[in-house]
């Protein structure tokens, strides 16, 4: 009995312990599968990158998106895929773009693009939710400028930098700490052995070495990477032809931009619509998107004036001075710091209430500012003093707009048709017709059959001293001279010959009438000098 009791207790203990162990093993298996599924899902999850596109118009923003997705859009058209819509007509616009690998099969990342065209501080609340500690490391700011109005560039940049400074200051402490980490990483990117395009280096010793910051570099870090895109650089030729710009003006614009962007650690690129450019490589490398199949090195270019590329952390004051002598880098650097000071920034509350004290057209000038120095050199043609004075005084313009050639010819065709309809069917000379009507009104000649025949034949001409003379015209002139002649005053004691002048006119008239009656018109009927 004792043995049976022991067996029973032993079985009971084993079975009881196994029942307690089963739930634990099931939970462990469940946790293992969930962790595996989470790892697979995270591996397939697309990296999300954000781009804040500031400035430009709705059309220029679309051109930027086309240049950013030129190759991918062609591939999608081959696959008959629809392009994502672009909603940028109101306030803050949005669209997205999938970055494909070199083989156009794998998706490397998804770009979310937020579009804002107006630098008004009232739009700051729309941008605040986009900047969080999770999105800040994957965010890039792009400012669009247009070569159609390069004289407004520094003013536009100043407005956007002020807006960004107001926005970033209003973020919480976690976001500010994250921005500091991002800026520290950006300062070392592209320096020493580090490569901006993700190429890397072969030596680990070189990767730990970073060059010290030069003068004017990263003095006004925004907390986010910045890229300035100057669109439509093909209009450089238009400025050269129509505005008489020279190399000095183009170099001055580039030196101002490079000096200002060096303070923020930003990059610069000139683009032309429908022309391949390294814009895609610059944007992708700035966001940390690198293809595993094909690496495209990002090279600088400051020689071609319409294809300028200045990567971040490449420029320096020495390189800017080399472009053209006489440019004061230090003055522009200090002037830009004055232009973007917080004391000159209008708060969102003041802008919304209209209590800022000045409007956008009447912004107070800052003494020693870089914007004023730039606009004194790169003048706005609409504000030119010579053009304004001539327009106010004489109502004249320096530029004359001409109509299109086809429009002008079409208008002239209508005028010719109208004249053709109102013309006389006889087609005779207008001067001859007027002369015939005048003779009829005066009653000096009666139009008979012979006169009509003479009009159809033409005037009677004869050669006098090698000159063809119209007899009818000469007779008419003599008659007009006789009819409008006034008698000359005579002095006492002198007797004027009776009818002296009329006799001379009558003699000449009879002479030419005789020529007409004889049917003159050849050299044989002309009077010849007598031979001695």
Protein backbone atom coordinates (compact mmCIF):
# COMPACT_ATOMS: atom_id res chain seq x y z
CA UNK A 1 0.00 0.00 0.00
CA UNK A 2 2.80 2.24 0.86
CA UNK A 3 4.44 1.61 -2.45
CA UNK A 4 1.25 2.29 -4.32
CA UNK A 5 0.78 5.51 -2.46
CA UNK A 6 4.29 6.59 -3.35
CA UNK A 7 3.71 5.85 -7.04
CA UNK A 8 0.54 7.83 -7.03
CA UNK A 9 2.13 10.80 -5.38
CA UNK A 10 5.07 10.69 -7.74
CA UNK A 11 2.82 10.67 -10.82
CA UNK A 12 0.73 13.39 -9.37
CA UNK A 13 3.74 15.58 -8.77
CA UNK A 14 5.11 15.07 -12.27
CA UNK A 15 1.81 15.70 -13.94
CA UNK A 16 1.23 18.77 -11.86
CA UNK A 17 4.62 20.22 -12.66
CA UNK A 18 4.14 19.59 -16.38
CA UNK A 19 0.82 21.41 -16.32
CA UNK A 20 2.51 24.45 -14.82
CA UNK A 21 5.29 24.38 -17.41
CA UNK A 22 3.04 24.28 -20.50
CA UNK A 23 1.74 27.90 -20.34
CA UNK A 24 5.26 29.19 -19.88
CA UNK A 25 6.53 27.43 -23.00
CA UNK A 26 3.54 28.69 -25.04
CA UNK A 27 4.16 32.26 -23.96
CA UNK A 28 7.81 31.94 -24.85
CA UNK A 29 6.96 30.66 -28.32
CA UNK A 30 4.45 33.46 -28.78
CA UNK A 31 7.01 36.09 -27.80
CA UNK A 32 9.54 34.55 -30.16
CA UNK A 33 7.17 34.65 -33.12
CA UNK A 34 6.07 38.21 -32.38
CA UNK A 35 9.67 39.38 -32.20
CA UNK A 36 10.44 37.66 -35.51
CA UNK A 37 7.40 39.23 -37.18
CA UNK A 38 8.30 42.64 -35.81
CA UNK A 39 11.84 42.35 -37.12
CA UNK A 40 10.59 41.34 -40.58
CA UNK A 41 8.06 44.17 -40.61
CA UNK A 42 10.65 46.70 -39.54
CA UNK A 43 12.99 45.43 -42.25
CA UNK A 44 10.34 45.96 -44.92
CA UNK A 45 9.26 49.34 -43.56
CA UNK A 46 10.33 52.16 -45.87
CA UNK A 47 12.54 54.90 -44.43
CA UNK A 48 10.52 58.11 -44.38
CA UNK A 49 12.22 61.41 -45.21
CA UNK A 50 10.71 64.90 -45.10
CA UNK A 51 11.50 67.92 -47.27
CA UNK A 52 10.18 71.41 -46.52
CA UNK A 53 10.08 73.24 -49.87
CA UNK A 54 9.92 76.98 -49.22
CA UNK A 55 9.46 79.74 -51.77
CA UNK A 56 8.71 79.80 -55.46
CA UNK A 57 5.35 79.62 -57.18
CA UNK A 58 3.10 76.66 -57.85
CA UNK A 59 4.75 76.17 -61.24
CA UNK A 60 8.32 76.46 -59.97
CA UNK A 61 7.55 73.99 -57.17
CA UNK A 62 6.28 71.51 -59.75
CA UNK A 63 9.46 72.04 -61.79
CA UNK A 64 11.52 71.25 -58.70
CA UNK A 65 9.58 68.02 -58.16
CA UNK A 66 10.05 67.08 -61.82
CA UNK A 67 13.80 67.63 -61.55
CA UNK A 68 13.92 65.62 -58.34
CA UNK A 69 12.07 62.64 -59.85
CA UNK A 70 13.11 62.85 -63.50
CA UNK A 71 14.47 59.31 -63.90
CA UNK A 72 11.89 57.71 -61.63
CA UNK A 73 9.00 59.35 -63.46
CA UNK A 74 10.24 57.97 -66.79
CA UNK A 75 10.37 54.51 -65.27
CA UNK A 76 6.87 54.89 -63.89
CA UNK A 77 5.59 55.98 -67.28
CA UNK A 78 7.07 52.84 -68.80
CA UNK A 79 5.23 50.82 -66.18
CA UNK A 80 2.10 52.95 -66.72
CA UNK A 81 2.00 54.02 -63.09
CA UNK A 82 0.20 57.18 -62.09
CA UNK A 83 2.21 60.02 -60.64
CA UNK A 84 1.16 61.19 -57.17
CA UNK A 85 -0.94 64.37 -57.20
CA UNK A 86 0.55 67.69 -56.12
CA UNK A 87 -1.64 69.81 -53.86
CA UNK A 88 0.10 73.19 -53.59
CA UNK A 89 -2.59 75.74 -54.39
CA UNK A 90 -3.48 76.69 -50.82
CA UNK A 91 -1.30 77.45 -47.79
CA UNK A 92 0.75 74.32 -47.00
CA UNK A 93 0.86 71.89 -49.91
CA UNK A 94 1.81 68.21 -49.87
CA UNK A 95 2.92 65.41 -52.14
CA UNK A 96 5.11 62.32 -51.88
CA UNK A 97 7.76 60.62 -53.96
CA UNK A 98 9.29 57.13 -53.84
CA UNK A 99 13.05 57.00 -54.34
CA UNK A 100 13.96 53.97 -56.46
CA UNK A 101 17.26 52.15 -56.59
CA UNK A 102 19.52 52.20 -59.64
CA UNK A 103 17.74 49.18 -61.13
CA UNK A 104 14.35 50.89 -60.56
CA UNK A 105 13.08 47.81 -58.74
CA UNK A 106 13.60 48.44 -55.03
CA UNK A 107 12.29 51.47 -53.17
CA UNK A 108 14.99 53.04 -51.03
CA UNK A 109 12.86 55.62 -49.21
CA UNK A 110 9.67 57.63 -49.40
CA UNK A 111 9.91 61.40 -49.50
CA UNK A 112 7.12 63.50 -48.03
CA UNK A 113 7.30 67.00 -49.48
CA UNK A 114 5.57 69.92 -47.76
CA UNK A 115 5.26 73.03 -49.96
CA UNK A 116 4.95 76.60 -48.69
CA UNK A 117 5.20 79.66 -50.96
CA UNK A 118 4.53 82.56 -48.55
CA UNK A 119 7.02 83.44 -45.77
CA UNK A 120 4.31 84.95 -43.60
CA UNK A 121 4.79 84.21 -39.87
CA UNK A 122 1.11 83.30 -39.67
CA UNK A 123 1.97 79.95 -41.32
CA UNK A 124 4.33 78.98 -38.49
CA UNK A 125 1.69 76.85 -36.66
CA UNK A 126 1.34 74.74 -39.81
CA UNK A 127 5.03 73.80 -39.74
CA UNK A 128 5.39 73.10 -36.01
CA UNK A 129 3.72 69.63 -36.04
CA UNK A 130 6.12 68.51 -38.78
CA UNK A 131 9.19 68.87 -36.54
CA UNK A 132 9.39 66.23 -33.81
CA UNK A 133 12.36 64.42 -32.24
CA UNK A 134 11.64 61.51 -34.60
CA UNK A 135 11.38 63.54 -37.84
CA UNK A 136 14.15 66.12 -37.26
CA UNK A 137 17.04 63.74 -38.20
CA UNK A 138 15.23 62.94 -41.48
CA UNK A 139 14.21 66.47 -42.51
CA UNK A 140 15.74 68.79 -45.12
CA UNK A 141 14.84 72.41 -45.88
CA UNK A 142 14.90 73.57 -49.52
CA UNK A 143 14.53 77.24 -50.50
CA UNK A 144 13.62 77.96 -54.14
CA UNK A 145 14.89 81.07 -55.94
CA UNK A 146 14.30 82.07 -59.56
CA UNK A 147 16.71 83.67 -62.02
CA UNK A 148 13.88 85.77 -63.43
CA UNK A 149 14.27 88.11 -60.42
CA UNK A 150 17.76 87.74 -58.93
CA UNK A 151 17.62 91.23 -57.38
CA UNK A 152 15.12 89.90 -54.78
CA UNK A 153 17.15 86.88 -53.70
CA UNK A 154 18.70 88.19 -50.50
CA UNK A 155 15.42 89.74 -49.40
CA UNK A 156 13.64 86.43 -49.95
CA UNK A 157 16.36 84.48 -48.15
CA UNK A 158 16.20 86.89 -45.22
CA UNK A 159 12.43 86.41 -44.88
CA UNK A 160 12.72 82.62 -44.94
CA UNK A 161 15.62 82.53 -42.47
CA UNK A 162 13.69 84.76 -40.09
CA UNK A 163 10.66 82.49 -40.37
CA UNK A 164 12.75 79.38 -39.70
CA UNK A 165 14.47 80.94 -36.70
CA UNK A 166 11.09 81.90 -35.24
CA UNK A 167 9.79 78.39 -35.89
CA UNK A 168 12.76 76.51 -34.43
CA UNK A 169 12.92 78.67 -31.32
CA UNK A 170 9.28 77.85 -30.54
CA UNK A 171 9.93 74.06 -30.38
CA UNK A 172 10.21 72.14 -27.11
CA UNK A 173 13.46 71.15 -25.40
CA UNK A 174 13.51 67.61 -26.78
CA UNK A 175 13.41 68.94 -30.34
CA UNK A 176 16.15 71.45 -29.60
CA UNK A 177 18.42 68.76 -28.18
CA UNK A 178 17.81 66.63 -31.24
CA UNK A 179 18.62 69.55 -33.53
CA UNK A 180 21.92 70.09 -31.72
CA UNK A 181 22.84 66.45 -32.33
CA UNK A 182 21.91 66.78 -36.00
CA UNK A 183 24.01 69.92 -36.43
CA UNK A 184 27.03 68.34 -34.77
CA UNK A 185 26.78 65.44 -37.20
CA UNK A 186 26.38 67.82 -40.15
CA UNK A 187 29.47 69.81 -39.23
CA UNK A 188 31.60 66.69 -39.54
CA UNK A 189 29.89 65.44 -42.70
CA UNK A 190 31.99 65.96 -45.78
CA UNK A 191 35.07 66.92 -43.75
CA UNK A 192 38.27 64.94 -43.47
CA UNK A 193 37.64 61.35 -44.49
CA UNK A 194 33.85 61.55 -44.31
CA UNK A 195 32.02 61.67 -47.60
CA UNK A 196 28.75 63.46 -48.21
CA UNK A 197 27.62 61.04 -50.91
CA UNK A 198 28.07 58.00 -48.70
CA UNK A 199 31.20 56.77 -50.40
CA UNK A 200 33.09 56.47 -47.13
CA UNK A 201 36.82 55.93 -46.74
CA UNK A 202 39.00 52.90 -46.56
CA UNK A 203 40.97 53.90 -43.50
CA UNK A 204 39.38 54.16 -40.07
CA UNK A 205 42.09 56.54 -38.90
CA UNK A 206 41.18 59.09 -41.57
CA UNK A 207 37.49 58.86 -40.69
CA UNK A 208 38.20 60.03 -37.15
CA UNK A 209 39.99 63.16 -38.39
CA UNK A 210 37.87 66.27 -39.08
CA UNK A 211 39.12 69.65 -40.16
CA UNK A 212 38.52 72.63 -37.86
CA UNK A 213 35.91 75.20 -38.81
CA UNK A 214 37.14 78.16 -40.81
CA UNK A 215 36.06 81.80 -40.43
CA UNK A 216 32.41 82.38 -41.19
CA UNK A 217 31.44 78.69 -41.17
CA UNK A 218 28.44 77.46 -39.16
CA UNK A 219 28.10 80.75 -37.27
CA UNK A 220 24.28 80.77 -37.65
CA UNK A 221 23.30 77.10 -37.59
CA UNK A 222 19.56 76.65 -38.03
CA UNK A 223 19.29 73.18 -36.52
CA UNK A 224 18.27 71.58 -39.84
CA UNK A 225 20.21 71.09 -43.09
CA UNK A 226 19.50 73.73 -45.73
CA UNK A 227 19.75 73.64 -49.53
CA UNK A 228 19.15 76.63 -51.84
CA UNK A 229 18.04 75.86 -55.41
CA UNK A 230 18.29 78.66 -58.00
CA UNK A 231 15.98 77.66 -60.84
CA UNK A 232 15.92 78.69 -64.52
CA UNK A 233 19.61 79.50 -64.78
CA UNK A 234 19.17 79.57 -68.56
CA UNK A 235 17.85 83.12 -68.08
CA UNK A 236 21.42 84.21 -67.43
CA UNK A 237 21.75 84.81 -71.17
CA UNK A 238 18.56 86.90 -71.12
CA UNK A 239 19.98 89.10 -68.36
CA UNK A 240 23.18 89.45 -70.32
CA UNK A 241 21.38 90.58 -73.49
CA UNK A 242 18.45 92.59 -72.17
CA UNK A 243 19.88 93.98 -68.90
CA UNK A 244 23.48 94.31 -70.09
CA UNK A 245 24.76 92.17 -67.22
CA UNK A 246 28.42 91.25 -67.28
CA UNK A 247 30.58 88.73 -65.49
CA UNK A 248 30.98 91.14 -62.57
CA UNK A 249 27.25 91.00 -61.76
CA UNK A 250 27.04 87.22 -61.99
CA UNK A 251 30.13 86.77 -59.82
CA UNK A 252 28.79 89.25 -57.26
CA UNK A 253 25.52 87.34 -56.96
CA UNK A 254 27.38 84.07 -56.46
CA UNK A 255 29.76 85.56 -53.89
CA UNK A 256 26.90 86.99 -51.82
CA UNK A 257 25.03 83.68 -51.86
CA UNK A 258 28.07 81.59 -50.95
CA UNK A 259 29.06 83.91 -48.10
CA UNK A 260 25.57 83.83 -46.60
CA UNK A 261 25.02 80.09 -47.00
CA UNK A 262 28.42 79.39 -45.48
CA UNK A 263 27.15 80.85 -42.19
CA UNK A 264 24.31 78.29 -42.14
CA UNK A 265 26.29 75.33 -43.49
CA UNK A 266 23.97 75.18 -46.50
CA UNK A 267 24.45 73.94 -50.05
CA UNK A 268 23.76 75.73 -53.35
CA UNK A 269 22.84 74.55 -56.84
CA UNK A 270 21.75 76.16 -60.14
CA UNK A 271 19.25 74.20 -62.24
CA UNK A 272 17.78 74.42 -65.75
CA UNK A 273 14.39 72.86 -66.60
CA UNK A 274 14.58 69.63 -68.61
CA UNK A 275 18.38 69.54 -68.32
CA UNK A 276 20.12 66.81 -66.25
CA UNK A 277 21.73 68.15 -63.08
CA UNK A 278 23.13 66.74 -59.81
CA UNK A 279 20.05 68.01 -57.95
CA UNK A 280 18.84 64.49 -57.23
CA UNK A 281 22.23 63.39 -55.90
CA UNK A 282 22.53 66.50 -53.71
CA UNK A 283 19.07 66.08 -52.15
CA UNK A 284 19.46 62.34 -51.60
CA UNK A 285 22.90 62.65 -50.05
CA UNK A 286 21.67 65.44 -47.77
CA UNK A 287 18.93 63.10 -46.52
CA UNK A 288 21.26 60.12 -46.17
CA UNK A 289 19.72 58.14 -49.06
CA UNK A 290 22.37 56.11 -50.87
CA UNK A 291 21.99 53.50 -53.57
CA UNK A 292 23.57 50.12 -52.90
CA UNK A 293 24.04 49.38 -56.59
CA UNK A 294 25.38 52.63 -58.02
CA UNK A 295 27.14 55.46 -56.22
CA UNK A 296 27.14 58.85 -57.88
CA UNK A 297 29.89 61.09 -56.53
CA UNK A 298 28.82 64.66 -55.82
CA UNK A 299 31.30 67.11 -57.32
CA UNK A 300 31.48 70.85 -56.86
CA UNK A 301 31.30 73.26 -59.80
CA UNK A 302 31.93 76.99 -59.58
CA UNK A 303 33.32 77.44 -63.09
CA UNK A 304 30.18 77.07 -65.24
CA UNK A 305 28.05 80.05 -64.33
CA UNK A 306 24.76 78.28 -65.16
CA UNK A 307 25.64 74.91 -63.53
CA UNK A 308 26.96 75.94 -60.12
CA UNK A 309 27.08 73.25 -57.42
CA UNK A 310 28.40 74.02 -53.92
CA UNK A 311 28.08 71.01 -51.57
CA UNK A 312 27.84 71.61 -47.81
CA UNK A 313 31.10 71.95 -45.86
CA UNK A 314 33.11 72.52 -49.06
CA UNK A 315 33.21 76.31 -49.35
CA UNK A 316 35.40 78.81 -47.50
CA UNK A 317 36.21 82.51 -47.49
CA UNK A 318 39.38 81.90 -49.45
CA UNK A 319 37.51 80.16 -52.26
CA UNK A 320 34.95 82.96 -52.35
CA UNK A 321 37.63 85.66 -52.63
CA UNK A 322 39.30 83.85 -55.52
CA UNK A 323 36.17 84.19 -57.66
CA UNK A 324 36.65 87.99 -58.02
CA UNK A 325 38.89 90.49 -56.27
CA UNK A 326 37.47 93.36 -54.27
CA UNK A 327 34.64 91.46 -52.58
CA UNK A 328 34.43 92.23 -48.85
CA UNK A 329 33.53 88.88 -47.29
CA UNK A 330 33.77 90.13 -43.70
CA UNK A 331 31.36 93.03 -44.28
CA UNK A 332 28.77 90.79 -45.95
CA UNK A 333 29.13 88.24 -43.15
CA UNK A 334 28.51 90.85 -40.45
CA UNK A 335 25.74 92.52 -42.44
CA UNK A 336 23.83 89.27 -42.79
CA UNK A 337 23.99 88.72 -39.03
CA UNK A 338 22.38 92.13 -38.59
CA UNK A 339 19.68 91.37 -41.16
CA UNK A 340 18.48 88.19 -39.45
CA UNK A 341 18.62 89.44 -35.87
CA UNK A 342 15.65 88.50 -33.73
CA UNK A 343 14.94 92.15 -32.93
CA UNK A 344 13.94 92.66 -36.57
CA UNK A 345 11.72 89.58 -36.68
CA UNK A 346 7.98 90.10 -36.49
CA UNK A 347 6.28 87.69 -34.10
CA UNK A 348 3.37 85.58 -35.36
CA UNK A 349 0.98 87.37 -32.99
CA UNK A 350 1.99 90.81 -34.29
CA UNK A 351 1.75 89.64 -37.89
CA UNK A 352 -1.73 88.21 -37.31
CA UNK A 353 -2.96 91.34 -35.52
CA UNK A 354 -1.23 93.74 -37.89
CA UNK A 355 0.62 95.51 -35.05
CA UNK A 356 4.14 95.02 -36.34
CA UNK A 357 4.48 98.72 -37.14
CA UNK A 358 5.45 98.30 -40.78
CA UNK A 359 4.37 96.43 -43.86
CA UNK A 360 6.37 94.19 -46.14
CA UNK A 361 6.83 97.00 -48.66
CA UNK A 362 8.08 99.41 -45.99
CA UNK A 363 10.55 97.28 -44.04
CA UNK A 364 12.97 99.52 -42.13
CA UNK A 365 16.46 99.53 -43.55
CA UNK A 366 19.23 98.16 -41.37
CA UNK A 367 22.45 100.19 -41.53
CA UNK A 368 25.32 98.01 -42.67
CA UNK A 369 23.01 95.18 -43.73
CA UNK A 370 23.94 92.75 -46.47
CA UNK A 371 20.56 93.08 -48.18
CA UNK A 372 20.98 96.81 -48.81
CA UNK A 373 24.54 96.33 -50.05
CA UNK A 374 23.36 93.62 -52.43
CA UNK A 375 20.45 95.66 -53.80
CA UNK A 376 22.69 98.67 -54.41
CA UNK A 377 24.81 96.56 -56.76
CA UNK A 378 22.10 94.30 -58.21
CA UNK A 379 19.41 96.87 -58.86
CA UNK A 380 15.76 96.20 -59.51
CA UNK A 381 14.95 97.52 -63.02
CA UNK A 382 11.46 98.60 -61.95
CA UNK A 383 12.96 100.87 -59.28
CA UNK A 384 15.65 102.38 -61.46
CA UNK A 385 15.78 106.13 -60.96
CA UNK A 386 16.27 106.91 -64.65
CA UNK A 387 13.30 104.85 -65.69
CA UNK A 388 11.11 106.27 -62.92
CA UNK A 389 12.03 109.87 -63.83
CA UNK A 390 11.38 109.39 -67.54
CA UNK A 391 8.08 107.67 -66.85
CA UNK A 392 6.83 110.43 -64.55
CA UNK A 393 7.97 113.38 -66.67
CA UNK A 394 7.41 112.29 -70.25
CA UNK A 395 5.34 109.19 -69.85
CA UNK A 396 7.96 107.28 -71.83
CA UNK A 397 9.39 103.88 -71.15
CA UNK A 398 12.84 102.58 -71.79
CA UNK A 399 11.40 99.37 -73.11
CA UNK A 400 9.20 99.27 -76.20
CA UNK A 401 7.00 96.23 -76.59
CA UNK A 402 6.35 95.22 -80.18
CA UNK A 403 3.42 93.21 -81.45
CA UNK A 404 3.79 89.75 -82.84
CA UNK A 405 4.74 89.54 -86.52
CA UNK A 406 1.75 87.43 -87.51
CA UNK A 407 -0.67 89.70 -85.63
CA UNK A 408 0.77 92.78 -87.33
CA UNK A 409 0.54 91.21 -90.79
CA UNK A 410 -3.03 90.09 -90.11
CA UNK A 411 -4.07 93.63 -89.19
CA UNK A 412 -2.38 95.03 -92.30
CA UNK A 413 -4.15 92.48 -94.47
CA UNK A 414 -7.51 93.76 -93.24
CA UNK A 415 -6.45 97.34 -94.05
CA UNK A 416 -5.35 96.34 -97.55
CA UNK A 417 -8.64 94.55 -98.19
CA UNK A 418 -10.57 97.62 -97.11
CA UNK A 419 -8.53 99.89 -99.39
CA UNK A 420 -8.92 97.47 -102.28
CA UNK A 421 -12.70 97.52 -101.93
CA UNK A 422 -12.83 101.34 -101.86
CA UNK A 423 -10.49 101.84 -104.83
CA UNK A 424 -11.77 103.21 -108.19
CA UNK A 425 -12.39 100.55 -110.86
CA UNK A 426 -10.63 102.60 -113.57
CA UNK A 427 -7.30 102.21 -111.81
CA UNK A 428 -5.94 105.51 -113.14
CA UNK A 429 -3.39 107.54 -111.29
CA UNK A 430 -4.82 109.48 -108.36
CA UNK A 431 -2.86 112.61 -109.18
CA UNK A 432 -4.07 112.54 -112.76
CA UNK A 433 -7.64 112.01 -111.57
CA UNK A 434 -7.45 114.97 -109.21
CA UNK A 435 -5.95 117.11 -111.92
CA UNK A 436 -8.72 116.13 -114.36
CA UNK A 437 -11.43 116.91 -111.80
CA UNK A 438 -9.86 120.29 -111.06
CA UNK A 439 -9.80 121.16 -114.74
CA UNK A 440 -13.45 120.19 -115.08
CA UNK A 441 -14.51 122.35 -112.15
CA UNK A 442 -12.66 125.38 -113.49
CA UNK A 443 -14.23 124.99 -116.89
CA UNK A 444 -10.96 125.57 -118.71
CA UNK A 445 -11.09 122.28 -120.62
CA UNK A 446 -13.96 120.24 -121.86
CA UNK A 447 -13.57 116.51 -121.62
CA UNK A 448 -14.36 115.09 -124.99
CA UNK A 449 -13.48 112.00 -126.85
CA UNK A 450 -10.01 113.26 -127.62
CA UNK A 451 -9.33 114.10 -123.96
CA UNK A 452 -10.46 110.64 -122.85
CA UNK A 453 -8.20 109.05 -125.42
CA UNK A 454 -5.31 111.20 -124.23
CA UNK A 455 -5.91 110.16 -120.64
CA UNK A 456 -5.79 106.51 -121.61
CA UNK A 457 -2.72 107.04 -123.77
CA UNK A 458 -0.89 109.04 -121.15
CA UNK A 459 0.65 112.49 -120.89
CA UNK A 460 2.44 114.07 -123.84
CA UNK A 461 6.13 114.32 -123.07
CA UNK A 462 9.03 115.83 -124.93
CA UNK A 463 12.74 116.06 -124.44
CA UNK A 464 14.12 119.47 -123.55
CA UNK A 465 17.83 119.59 -122.94
CA UNK A 466 17.94 115.92 -122.00
CA UNK A 467 15.02 116.21 -119.54
CA UNK A 468 11.63 114.63 -120.13
CA UNK A 469 8.94 117.30 -119.64
CA UNK A 470 5.20 116.66 -119.28
CA UNK A 471 3.40 119.15 -121.53
CA UNK A 472 0.04 118.90 -119.74
CA UNK A 473 1.65 119.43 -116.39
CA UNK A 474 3.59 122.42 -117.68
CA UNK A 475 0.44 124.01 -119.13
CA UNK A 476 -1.40 123.55 -115.86
CA UNK A 477 1.42 125.17 -113.93
CA UNK A 478 1.46 128.16 -116.28
CA UNK A 479 -2.28 128.62 -115.91
CA UNK A 480 -2.04 128.42 -112.13
CA UNK A 481 0.79 130.92 -112.17
CA UNK A 482 -1.20 133.32 -114.33
CA UNK A 483 -4.36 133.04 -112.24
CA UNK A 484 -2.63 133.60 -108.89
CA UNK A 485 -0.19 136.26 -110.12
CA UNK A 486 -0.26 139.62 -108.34
CA UNK A 487 0.83 142.83 -110.10
CA UNK A 488 4.19 144.16 -109.04
CA UNK A 489 4.23 147.64 -107.49
CA UNK A 490 5.51 150.37 -109.79
CA UNK A 491 7.45 153.41 -108.75
CA UNK A 492 6.50 156.91 -109.89
CA UNK A 493 8.05 157.88 -113.19
CA UNK A 494 8.20 154.36 -114.54
CA UNK A 495 5.65 152.91 -116.87
CA UNK A 496 5.13 149.20 -116.81
CA UNK A 497 4.71 147.54 -120.15
CA UNK A 498 1.12 146.77 -120.94
CA UNK A 499 0.49 143.16 -120.08
CA UNK A 500 4.19 142.33 -119.84
CA UNK A 501 3.80 139.34 -117.63
CA UNK A 502 0.64 137.99 -119.19
CA UNK A 503 2.24 138.28 -122.61
CA UNK A 504 5.19 136.19 -121.47
CA UNK A 505 2.91 133.57 -119.93
CA UNK A 506 0.73 133.52 -123.02
CA UNK A 507 3.79 133.10 -125.22
CA UNK A 508 5.00 130.17 -123.17
CA UNK A 509 1.53 128.67 -123.15
CA UNK A 510 1.26 128.99 -126.92
CA UNK A 511 4.70 127.45 -127.30
CA UNK A 512 3.82 124.35 -125.28
CA UNK A 513 0.38 124.13 -126.88
CA UNK A 514 2.04 124.09 -130.27
CA UNK A 515 4.22 121.24 -129.17
CA UNK A 516 1.16 119.32 -128.04
CA UNK A 517 -0.69 119.94 -131.29
CA UNK A 518 2.29 118.78 -133.29
CA UNK A 519 2.29 115.54 -131.26
CA UNK A 520 5.67 116.16 -129.69
CA UNK A 521 7.28 113.52 -127.56
CA UNK A 522 10.47 112.73 -129.39
CA UNK A 523 13.80 114.37 -129.55
CA UNK A 524 13.28 115.38 -133.21
CA UNK A 525 10.46 117.80 -132.33
CA UNK A 526 12.45 119.54 -129.61
CA UNK A 527 13.93 122.93 -130.45
CA UNK A 528 17.52 122.83 -131.59
CA UNK A 529 20.07 125.59 -131.28
CA UNK A 530 20.90 127.40 -134.53
CA UNK A 531 24.20 126.59 -136.14
CA UNK A 532 26.58 129.45 -136.61
